Protein backbone atom coordinates (compact mmCIF):
# COMPACT_ATOMS: atom_id res chain seq x y z
CA MET A 1 73.37 -6.52 10.50
CA SER A 2 77.09 -7.07 11.66
CA LYS A 3 78.49 -4.49 13.97
CA PHE A 4 81.40 -3.98 11.45
CA ALA A 5 78.90 -3.03 8.76
CA THR A 6 76.71 -0.90 11.22
CA ARG A 7 79.77 1.06 12.37
CA TYR A 8 80.73 1.80 8.78
CA ALA A 9 77.40 2.79 7.62
CA ALA A 10 76.83 5.06 10.58
CA LEU A 11 80.24 6.85 9.78
CA LEU A 12 78.78 7.95 6.57
CA ALA A 13 75.48 9.04 7.70
CA ALA A 14 74.29 12.60 7.59
CA LEU A 15 75.55 14.81 10.39
CA ILE A 16 73.01 15.39 13.12
CA ALA A 17 73.23 17.55 16.12
CA ALA A 18 71.53 15.69 18.82
CA PRO A 19 70.94 17.15 22.22
CA VAL A 20 73.91 17.53 24.18
CA ALA A 21 74.05 19.29 27.69
CA ALA A 22 77.17 20.31 29.50
CA GLN A 23 77.50 21.71 32.91
CA SER A 24 78.15 25.51 32.77
CA ILE A 25 81.88 26.12 33.64
CA ALA A 26 82.95 29.78 33.38
CA PRO A 27 86.24 30.69 35.12
CA GLY A 28 86.27 34.36 36.07
CA GLY A 29 82.35 34.58 36.45
CA GLY A 30 81.97 36.01 32.92
CA ALA A 31 84.69 38.66 33.45
CA PRO A 32 85.49 40.66 30.36
CA MET A 33 88.62 39.64 28.26
CA PRO A 34 91.95 41.27 29.16
CA ASP A 35 93.71 43.73 26.90
CA GLY A 36 95.80 42.16 24.40
CA CYS A 37 93.72 39.14 23.61
CA PRO A 38 92.29 38.10 20.25
CA ALA A 39 88.96 39.58 19.57
CA GLY A 40 85.93 37.41 20.49
CA ALA A 41 83.55 36.62 23.30
CA PRO A 42 83.37 33.33 25.33
CA SER A 43 81.84 30.67 23.29
CA ARG A 44 81.16 26.84 23.80
CA PRO A 45 79.96 25.20 20.56
CA THR A 46 77.82 22.24 21.29
CA PRO A 47 79.59 18.84 20.55
CA THR A 48 78.32 17.00 17.68
CA TYR A 49 76.71 13.65 18.67
CA PRO A 50 78.91 10.93 17.22
CA MET A 51 77.20 9.08 14.30
CA ASP A 52 78.87 5.74 14.79
CA ILE A 53 77.21 5.24 18.31
CA TYR A 54 73.99 7.25 17.62
CA GLY A 55 71.53 6.10 20.22
CA ALA A 56 73.78 5.89 23.09
CA ALA A 57 74.08 8.19 26.22
CA GLY A 58 77.02 9.07 28.20
CA ARG A 59 79.06 11.63 30.14
CA VAL A 60 82.75 12.64 29.41
CA THR A 61 84.52 14.68 31.99
CA LEU A 62 87.16 16.88 30.45
CA VAL A 63 89.89 18.99 32.06
CA LEU A 64 91.06 21.94 30.09
CA ASP A 65 94.11 24.17 30.24
CA ILE A 66 93.20 27.70 29.25
CA ASP A 67 95.41 30.75 28.78
CA ARG A 68 94.70 34.27 30.09
CA CYS A 69 92.66 34.89 27.12
CA GLY A 70 90.31 31.94 27.77
CA LEU A 71 91.59 30.05 24.74
CA VAL A 72 92.06 26.21 25.18
CA ASP A 73 95.73 25.02 25.17
CA GLN A 74 95.23 21.38 26.14
CA VAL A 75 92.41 18.97 26.57
CA TRP A 76 92.47 16.10 28.78
CA ILE A 77 89.92 13.28 29.23
CA GLU A 78 89.70 12.79 33.04
CA THR A 79 86.87 10.34 32.97
CA ASP A 80 85.92 8.54 29.74
CA SER A 81 82.34 7.73 28.76
CA GLY A 82 83.07 4.03 27.81
CA TYR A 83 82.63 5.01 24.00
CA GLU A 84 85.67 6.29 22.28
CA ALA A 85 83.57 8.13 19.61
CA MET A 86 81.84 10.06 22.31
CA ASP A 87 85.12 10.92 24.15
CA TYR A 88 86.58 12.24 20.83
CA ALA A 89 83.36 14.20 20.06
CA ALA A 90 83.78 16.08 23.30
CA VAL A 91 87.42 16.73 22.73
CA ASP A 92 86.87 17.88 19.07
CA SER A 93 84.37 20.44 20.43
CA ALA A 94 86.24 21.58 23.47
CA LYS A 95 89.39 22.51 21.47
CA ASP A 96 87.50 25.34 19.88
CA TRP A 97 85.88 26.63 23.18
CA ARG A 98 86.71 29.98 24.57
CA LEU A 99 85.90 30.50 28.30
CA SER A 100 86.13 33.57 30.51
CA PRO A 101 89.54 33.83 31.88
CA GLN A 102 90.16 33.61 35.70
CA TYR A 103 91.31 36.65 37.37
CA ARG A 104 93.59 36.81 40.26
CA ASP A 105 94.22 40.16 42.03
CA GLY A 106 92.67 41.96 39.09
CA VAL A 107 95.04 40.28 36.57
CA ALA A 108 93.87 37.53 34.07
CA VAL A 109 95.84 34.33 34.66
CA PRO A 110 95.99 30.81 32.93
CA SER A 111 93.93 28.31 34.77
CA ARG A 112 92.79 24.66 34.71
CA VAL A 113 89.09 23.78 34.80
CA ARG A 114 86.95 20.73 34.75
CA VAL A 115 83.97 20.37 32.40
CA PRO A 116 81.41 17.39 32.38
CA VAL A 117 79.88 16.99 28.89
CA ASP A 118 76.53 14.84 28.81
CA PHE A 119 75.31 13.26 25.72
CA ALA A 120 71.53 12.43 25.90
CA ARG A 121 70.01 9.58 24.20
CA PRO A 122 68.02 10.85 21.02
CA THR A 123 64.22 10.84 21.17
CA PRO A 124 62.46 8.25 18.94
CA GLN A 125 61.53 11.01 16.46
CA GLN A 126 65.24 12.04 16.21
CA MET A 127 66.15 8.27 15.70
CA ALA A 128 63.62 8.06 12.91
CA ASP A 129 64.92 11.45 11.34
CA TYR A 130 68.50 10.22 11.75
CA HIS A 131 67.62 7.01 9.95
CA ALA A 132 65.95 8.64 6.95
CA ARG A 133 68.90 11.02 6.50
CA ALA A 134 71.53 8.21 7.02
CA GLN A 135 69.77 5.84 4.44
CA ALA A 136 69.61 8.86 1.94
CA GLN A 137 73.43 9.32 2.42
CA TRP A 138 74.01 5.72 2.26
CA ASP A 139 72.12 5.31 -1.02
CA VAL A 140 74.91 7.52 -2.54
CA VAL A 141 77.82 5.97 -0.85
CA TRP A 142 77.05 2.36 -1.13
CA PRO A 143 77.84 2.03 -4.77
CA LEU A 144 81.20 3.54 -4.28
CA THR A 145 82.12 0.92 -1.60
CA GLN A 146 81.46 -2.00 -4.03
CA VAL A 147 84.37 -3.60 -5.79
CA ALA A 148 85.37 -6.61 -7.73
CA GLU A 149 85.45 -9.99 -5.68
CA VAL A 150 88.60 -10.62 -4.04
CA ALA A 151 89.62 -14.26 -3.36
CA ALA A 152 89.92 -15.22 0.37
CA ALA A 153 92.05 -17.93 1.82
CA GLY A 154 90.61 -21.12 3.23
CA ASP A 155 90.30 -19.41 6.80
CA GLY A 156 88.61 -16.51 5.36
CA SER A 157 91.50 -14.11 5.57
CA LEU A 158 92.68 -11.71 2.88
CA ASP A 159 96.08 -10.22 2.07
CA GLY A 160 96.84 -7.30 4.34
CA PHE A 161 97.40 -5.10 1.25
CA VAL A 162 94.56 -5.21 -1.20
CA PRO A 163 95.11 -2.43 -3.93
CA ASP A 164 92.44 0.15 -4.16
CA ALA A 165 91.34 1.24 -7.61
CA LEU A 166 89.84 4.65 -6.22
CA PRO A 167 92.42 7.34 -7.04
CA MET A 168 93.91 9.46 -4.43
CA ASP A 169 92.78 13.14 -3.92
CA GLU A 170 94.93 15.52 -5.95
CA GLY A 171 98.03 16.85 -4.10
CA SER A 172 101.43 16.08 -2.83
CA ALA A 173 101.94 13.64 0.13
CA THR A 174 102.58 16.63 2.35
CA GLU A 175 99.36 18.35 1.25
CA LEU A 176 97.33 15.36 1.75
CA MET A 177 98.92 14.78 5.15
CA LEU A 178 97.87 18.26 6.24
CA LYS A 179 94.31 17.79 4.87
CA ALA A 180 93.92 14.50 6.73
CA ARG A 181 94.85 16.18 9.79
CA ARG A 182 92.34 18.88 9.36
CA GLU A 183 89.42 16.60 8.46
CA GLY A 184 90.11 13.55 10.58
CA HIS A 185 90.81 12.71 14.05
CA GLU A 186 93.71 10.50 15.33
CA VAL A 187 92.79 6.83 16.35
CA PRO A 188 94.88 4.10 17.99
CA GLY A 189 95.92 1.13 15.97
CA GLY A 190 98.11 2.50 13.14
CA GLU A 191 100.40 -0.08 11.57
CA LEU A 192 103.91 0.01 12.85
CA GLY A 193 103.26 2.85 15.17
CA TRP A 194 102.33 5.41 12.41
CA PRO A 195 99.76 8.06 13.23
CA ALA A 196 96.41 6.88 12.00
CA LEU A 197 93.47 9.35 11.29
CA ARG A 198 89.95 8.43 10.59
CA VAL A 199 88.01 10.45 7.98
CA SER A 200 84.57 10.01 6.40
CA ASN A 201 83.18 11.86 3.51
CA ASP A 202 80.81 11.32 0.62
CA ARG A 203 83.40 8.91 -0.94
CA GLY A 204 83.58 6.42 1.86
CA ALA A 205 85.12 5.75 5.19
CA PHE A 206 88.98 5.98 5.29
CA GLN A 207 91.80 5.54 7.56
CA TRP A 208 95.07 7.37 6.72
CA LEU A 209 98.40 6.27 7.88
CA LEU A 210 101.04 9.20 7.97
CA ILE A 211 104.66 8.51 7.49
CA GLU A 212 106.45 11.62 8.82
CA ASP A 213 109.81 12.93 9.70
CA GLY A 214 112.40 10.37 10.91
CA HIS A 215 111.31 7.63 8.43
CA PRO A 216 113.40 7.14 5.16
CA ALA A 217 110.22 7.28 3.23
CA ALA A 218 108.73 10.45 4.59
CA PRO A 219 106.80 12.26 3.62
CA SER A 220 104.45 9.46 2.64
CA LEU A 221 100.92 8.17 3.47
CA ILE A 222 98.80 5.24 3.03
CA ARG A 223 94.94 5.38 2.54
CA GLN A 224 92.95 2.51 3.69
CA ARG A 225 89.33 2.51 2.65
CA LEU A 226 86.53 0.08 3.76
CA VAL A 227 84.95 -1.81 0.69
CA SER A 228 82.80 -4.66 0.05
CA ASP A 229 82.87 -7.21 -2.93
CA GLY A 230 79.33 -8.39 -2.16
CA LYS A 231 80.41 -11.38 -0.18
CA LYS A 232 82.49 -9.80 2.49
CA SER A 233 83.92 -6.41 3.45
CA PHE A 234 87.51 -5.49 4.14
CA TYR A 235 90.16 -2.68 3.71
CA ALA A 236 91.63 -1.68 0.28
CA SER A 237 94.81 0.49 0.33
CA ARG A 238 96.66 2.95 -1.79
CA VAL A 239 100.21 4.30 -1.23
CA LEU A 240 101.48 7.77 -2.05
CA CYS A 241 105.22 8.09 -1.53
CA GLY A 242 106.77 11.56 -1.36
CA ALA A 243 110.34 10.47 -0.51
CA ALA A 244 113.01 11.88 -2.60
CA LYS A 245 114.92 8.61 -3.17
CA PRO A 246 113.21 5.92 -5.25
CA ALA A 247 114.83 3.16 -3.19
CA ALA A 248 112.86 4.48 0.10
CA CYS A 249 109.70 4.46 -1.82
CA ALA A 250 110.38 0.87 -3.21
CA LYS A 251 111.15 -0.36 0.34
CA LEU A 252 107.82 1.23 1.71
CA ASP A 253 105.94 -0.45 -1.07
CA LYS A 254 107.39 -3.77 -0.28
CA MET A 255 106.90 -3.35 3.49
CA VAL A 256 103.07 -2.58 2.84
CA ARG A 257 102.62 -5.61 0.54
CA ASP A 258 104.10 -7.69 3.27
CA TRP A 259 101.46 -6.62 5.85
CA PRO A 260 99.93 -9.37 7.96
CA ARG A 261 96.66 -10.89 6.59
CA GLN A 262 93.39 -9.07 7.46
CA ARG A 263 90.07 -10.60 8.71
CA ALA A 264 86.97 -9.95 6.41
CA GLY A 265 83.64 -8.75 7.64
CA GLU A 266 80.17 -9.23 6.48
CA PRO A 267 79.19 -7.47 3.19
CA PHE A 268 77.53 -4.10 3.43
CA PRO A 269 73.68 -4.07 3.35
CA LYS A 270 71.69 -1.74 0.92
CA GLN A 271 69.15 -1.01 3.64
CA LEU A 272 70.37 0.32 7.07
CA SER A 273 68.78 -0.86 10.30
CA ALA A 274 66.18 1.61 11.77
CA GLU A 275 68.00 1.33 15.12
CA PRO A 276 71.43 -0.22 14.60
CA PRO A 277 72.98 -2.13 17.58
CA LEU A 278 75.39 -0.19 19.63
CA PRO A 279 79.05 -1.41 20.19
CA PRO A 280 79.80 -2.70 23.65
CA GLN A 281 80.25 0.05 26.29
CA ARG A 282 83.37 -0.19 28.18
CA THR A 283 83.28 0.49 31.95
CA PRO A 284 84.04 4.40 32.17
CA SER A 285 87.38 4.83 33.74
CA ARG A 286 89.51 7.72 35.31
CA ARG A 287 92.65 8.70 33.58
CA PRO A 288 95.74 10.50 34.87
CA LEU A 289 96.21 14.03 34.21
CA GLY A 290 99.59 15.46 32.95
CA PRO A 291 100.98 18.80 33.69
CA SER A 292 99.75 22.14 32.29
CA ARG A 293 101.98 23.95 30.05
CA LEU A 294 100.62 27.24 31.50
CA VAL A 295 99.76 26.63 35.08
CA PRO A 296 102.44 25.61 37.98
CA ASN A 297 101.81 22.14 39.47
CA ASP A 298 99.70 21.97 42.61
CA ALA A 299 101.44 20.03 45.13
CA LYS A 300 98.04 18.85 46.45
CA THR A 301 97.07 17.49 43.12
CA PRO A 302 100.17 15.94 41.55
CA THR A 303 100.06 15.20 37.94
CA ASP A 304 101.51 12.23 36.01
CA PRO A 305 104.39 13.45 33.87
CA ALA A 306 103.85 10.47 31.44
CA ALA A 307 100.27 11.39 30.82
CA ARG A 308 99.40 12.78 27.41
CA PRO A 309 96.57 15.14 26.50
CA ALA A 310 93.80 14.19 24.21
CA TRP A 311 94.49 17.34 22.23
CA ARG A 312 97.30 20.03 22.36
CA ARG A 313 97.38 23.26 20.59
CA ARG A 314 100.61 23.30 18.48
């Protein structure tokens, strides 16, 4: 099976919580929450094992900026795992953590903490259970990915914009943009620098391109969906323009239809591999940390003002 098809099928598999262990980090040594903080005790939900690399193992080292109430304000990836999906699984979990605040001279203060998050390789039984659940989900989704044959050029490429017959979800462009931000996570590679969010559900695997403030066609979005015509797989797209001026929507439509040609992948199989091949693992790398919004810079550990967090509370 091609890595393209494997990656897609895995995105649609049923969610499985594989074993994840993280070193216990508790600033303040479990001290009580200070007065004036939202109700709730320290909590660290276990990261969900990323489905598209099920079977891999790795460590992500995060640095968290937390406020005086133990709530996470920013999440930084200090050392990645070599797998982007694993890195974002750790980040997605960490943004909802609540740690015990650090106390200084009896007063709770914001702090910055380092948290290694380890993802253990699933056991053979977990792999077998995962495959069974993934295949059951794929049996439902696979028919939805099948579309009429689309002609390819002599070099095998397709138009960059292939219209998608699957209707958009109900709602305005603004409402669907908010929904995409709730349900997906941002990934690099959006066309023309537009934010791109990856979302998977029981209708397929999608990439949403958000056209926001500052663009003449804002608010608008483009939904790209992975499909197959039985001979190849590719992206089909649909545009929802929310701009007030029809001319802006017409210009956006022309821009999308003039996209560069896309390369096709192999058709999607009906039966998934029992243990799909993993994508290549990059060599884990250390990344620069930017300044905290809550804690003054430490002269002994300077930060990079150009660095951007993996997640930031709005």
